[in-house]
């Protein structure tokens, strides 16, 4: 079975999963800055990834505001690794 994952494949989602692979968690604001999208676009992509079980978000208070943190799940990590392996295979690497 192919490791290609249409949930992860859109460029912003691929970038989100790549960033999450290098950290334990990341603040929504920082992730938005790295990916270079608006709050609403990032929220939409995170919702799709969360629905697939690939990421989880949590809110914590900080300086009187709620801050959202994002982290990938074990399922998400495995799906991302399989997706990357399939992209390498397709690219002939």
C-alpha atoms as a PDB file:
ATOM      1  CA  UNK A   1       0.000   0.000   0.000  1.00  0.00           C
ATOM      2  CA  UNK A   2       1.208   3.480  -0.826  1.00  0.00           C
ATOM      3  CA  UNK A   3       2.545   5.730   1.921  1.00  0.00           C
ATOM      4  CA  UNK A   4       1.295   8.792   0.024  1.00  0.00           C
ATOM      5  CA  UNK A   5      -1.084  10.670   2.313  1.00  0.00           C
ATOM      6  CA  UNK A   6      -3.488  13.179   0.710  1.00  0.00           C
ATOM      7  CA  UNK A   7      -4.198  14.710   4.146  1.00  0.00           C
ATOM      8  CA  UNK A   8      -0.531  15.636   4.623  1.00  0.00           C
ATOM      9  CA  UNK A   9       0.315  16.430   0.996  1.00  0.00           C
ATOM     10  CA  UNK A  10      -0.949  20.047   0.611  1.00  0.00           C
ATOM     11  CA  UNK A  11       2.147  22.280   0.907  1.00  0.00           C
ATOM     12  CA  UNK A  12       1.117  24.066   4.119  1.00  0.00           C
ATOM     13  CA  UNK A  13       0.257  20.777   5.848  1.00  0.00           C
ATOM     14  CA  UNK A  14       3.489  19.200   4.689  1.00  0.00           C
ATOM     15  CA  UNK A  15       5.350  22.177   6.125  1.00  0.00           C
ATOM     16  CA  UNK A  16       3.374  22.012   9.398  1.00  0.00           C
ATOM     17  CA  UNK A  17       4.199  18.331   9.821  1.00  0.00           C
ATOM     18  CA  UNK A  18       7.848  18.996   8.976  1.00  0.00           C
ATOM     19  CA  UNK A  19       8.102  21.717  11.618  1.00  0.00           C
ATOM     20  CA  UNK A  20       6.380  19.528  14.211  1.00  0.00           C
ATOM     21  CA  UNK A  21       8.860  16.745  13.502  1.00  0.00           C
ATOM     22  CA  UNK A  22      11.639  18.876  14.935  1.00  0.00           C
ATOM     23  CA  UNK A  23       9.948  20.043  18.143  1.00  0.00           C
ATOM     24  CA  UNK A  24       7.919  18.588  20.988  1.00  0.00           C
ATOM     25  CA  UNK A  25       5.325  21.348  20.565  1.00  0.00           C
ATOM     26  CA  UNK A  26       5.085  24.836  19.127  1.00  0.00           C
ATOM     27  CA  UNK A  27       3.020  27.944  19.773  1.00  0.00           C
ATOM     28  CA  UNK A  28       0.327  28.610  17.170  1.00  0.00           C
ATOM     29  CA  UNK A  29       1.751  32.094  16.555  1.00  0.00           C
ATOM     30  CA  UNK A  30       5.246  30.777  15.851  1.00  0.00           C
ATOM     31  CA  UNK A  31       3.915  28.047  13.573  1.00  0.00           C
ATOM     32  CA  UNK A  32       1.840  30.631  11.673  1.00  0.00           C
ATOM     33  CA  UNK A  33       4.971  32.761  11.230  1.00  0.00           C
ATOM     34  CA  UNK A  34       7.050  29.826   9.952  1.00  0.00           C
ATOM     35  CA  UNK A  35       4.392  28.556   7.542  1.00  0.00           C
ATOM     36  CA  UNK A  36       3.588  32.096   6.400  1.00  0.00           C
ATOM     37  CA  UNK A  37      -0.200  31.895   6.442  1.00  0.00           C
ATOM     38  CA  UNK A  38      -3.027  33.719   8.201  1.00  0.00           C
ATOM     39  CA  UNK A  39      -4.611  32.552  11.443  1.00  0.00           C
ATOM     40  CA  UNK A  40      -7.680  31.271   9.610  1.00  0.00           C
ATOM     41  CA  UNK A  41      -5.672  29.331   7.024  1.00  0.00           C
ATOM     42  CA  UNK A  42      -3.490  27.730   9.703  1.00  0.00           C
ATOM     43  CA  UNK A  43      -6.580  26.861  11.761  1.00  0.00           C
ATOM     44  CA  UNK A  44      -8.163  25.188   8.740  1.00  0.00           C
ATOM     45  CA  UNK A  45      -5.067  23.074   8.065  1.00  0.00           C
ATOM     46  CA  UNK A  46      -4.679  22.159  11.731  1.00  0.00           C
ATOM     47  CA  UNK A  47      -8.327  21.115  11.865  1.00  0.00           C
ATOM     48  CA  UNK A  48      -7.829  18.752   8.913  1.00  0.00           C
ATOM     49  CA  UNK A  49      -4.695  17.286  10.512  1.00  0.00           C
ATOM     50  CA  UNK A  50      -6.442  16.949  13.895  1.00  0.00           C
ATOM     51  CA  UNK A  51      -9.445  15.258  12.310  1.00  0.00           C
ATOM     52  CA  UNK A  52      -7.054  12.663  10.853  1.00  0.00           C
ATOM     53  CA  UNK A  53      -5.506  12.218  14.309  1.00  0.00           C
ATOM     54  CA  UNK A  54      -2.143  13.635  13.223  1.00  0.00           C
ATOM     55  CA  UNK A  55      -1.949  16.652  15.557  1.00  0.00           C
ATOM     56  CA  UNK A  56      -3.439  17.828  18.832  1.00  0.00           C
ATOM     57  CA  UNK A  57      -3.805  21.343  20.147  1.00  0.00           C
ATOM     58  CA  UNK A  58      -4.051  22.572  23.701  1.00  0.00           C
ATOM     59  CA  UNK A  59      -4.695  25.963  25.201  1.00  0.00           C
ATOM     60  CA  UNK A  60      -2.827  27.370  28.165  1.00  0.00           C
ATOM     61  CA  UNK A  61      -3.114  30.772  29.834  1.00  0.00           C
ATOM     62  CA  UNK A  62      -0.135  33.103  29.499  1.00  0.00           C
ATOM     63  CA  UNK A  63      -0.046  36.744  30.557  1.00  0.00           C
ATOM     64  CA  UNK A  64      -3.823  36.879  30.804  1.00  0.00           C
ATOM     65  CA  UNK A  65      -4.347  35.417  27.327  1.00  0.00           C
ATOM     66  CA  UNK A  66      -4.955  31.944  26.003  1.00  0.00           C
ATOM     67  CA  UNK A  67      -2.060  30.579  23.991  1.00  0.00           C
ATOM     68  CA  UNK A  68      -2.579  27.625  21.661  1.00  0.00           C
ATOM     69  CA  UNK A  69       0.097  24.950  21.396  1.00  0.00           C
ATOM     70  CA  UNK A  70       0.342  22.362  18.641  1.00  0.00           C
ATOM     71  CA  UNK A  71       2.034  18.968  18.711  1.00  0.00           C
ATOM     72  CA  UNK A  72       2.009  15.930  16.483  1.00  0.00           C
ATOM     73  CA  UNK A  73       0.755  12.541  17.606  1.00  0.00           C
ATOM     74  CA  UNK A  74       2.506   9.197  17.219  1.00  0.00           C
ATOM     75  CA  UNK A  75       0.048   8.435  14.412  1.00  0.00           C
ATOM     76  CA  UNK A  76       0.915  11.750  12.755  1.00  0.00           C
ATOM     77  CA  UNK A  77       4.643  11.146  13.074  1.00  0.00           C
ATOM     78  CA  UNK A  78       4.308   7.714  11.454  1.00  0.00           C
ATOM     79  CA  UNK A  79       2.076   9.029   8.651  1.00  0.00           C
ATOM     80  CA  UNK A  80       4.542  11.845   7.937  1.00  0.00           C
ATOM     81  CA  UNK A  81       7.505   9.455   7.803  1.00  0.00           C
ATOM     82  CA  UNK A  82       5.606   7.157   5.425  1.00  0.00           C
ATOM     83  CA  UNK A  83       4.581  10.109   3.258  1.00  0.00           C
ATOM     84  CA  UNK A  84       8.182  11.311   3.010  1.00  0.00           C
ATOM     85  CA  UNK A  85       9.362   7.799   2.124  1.00  0.00           C
ATOM     86  CA  UNK A  86       6.769   7.624  -0.650  1.00  0.00           C
ATOM     87  CA  UNK A  87       7.799  11.043  -2.004  1.00  0.00           C
ATOM     88  CA  UNK A  88      11.426   9.872  -2.062  1.00  0.00           C
ATOM     89  CA  UNK A  89      10.393   6.694  -3.858  1.00  0.00           C
ATOM     90  CA  UNK A  90       8.401   8.656  -6.433  1.00  0.00           C
ATOM     91  CA  UNK A  91      11.340  10.994  -6.956  1.00  0.00           C
ATOM     92  CA  UNK A  92      13.578   8.020  -7.629  1.00  0.00           C
ATOM     93  CA  UNK A  93      15.666   8.418  -4.484  1.00  0.00           C
END
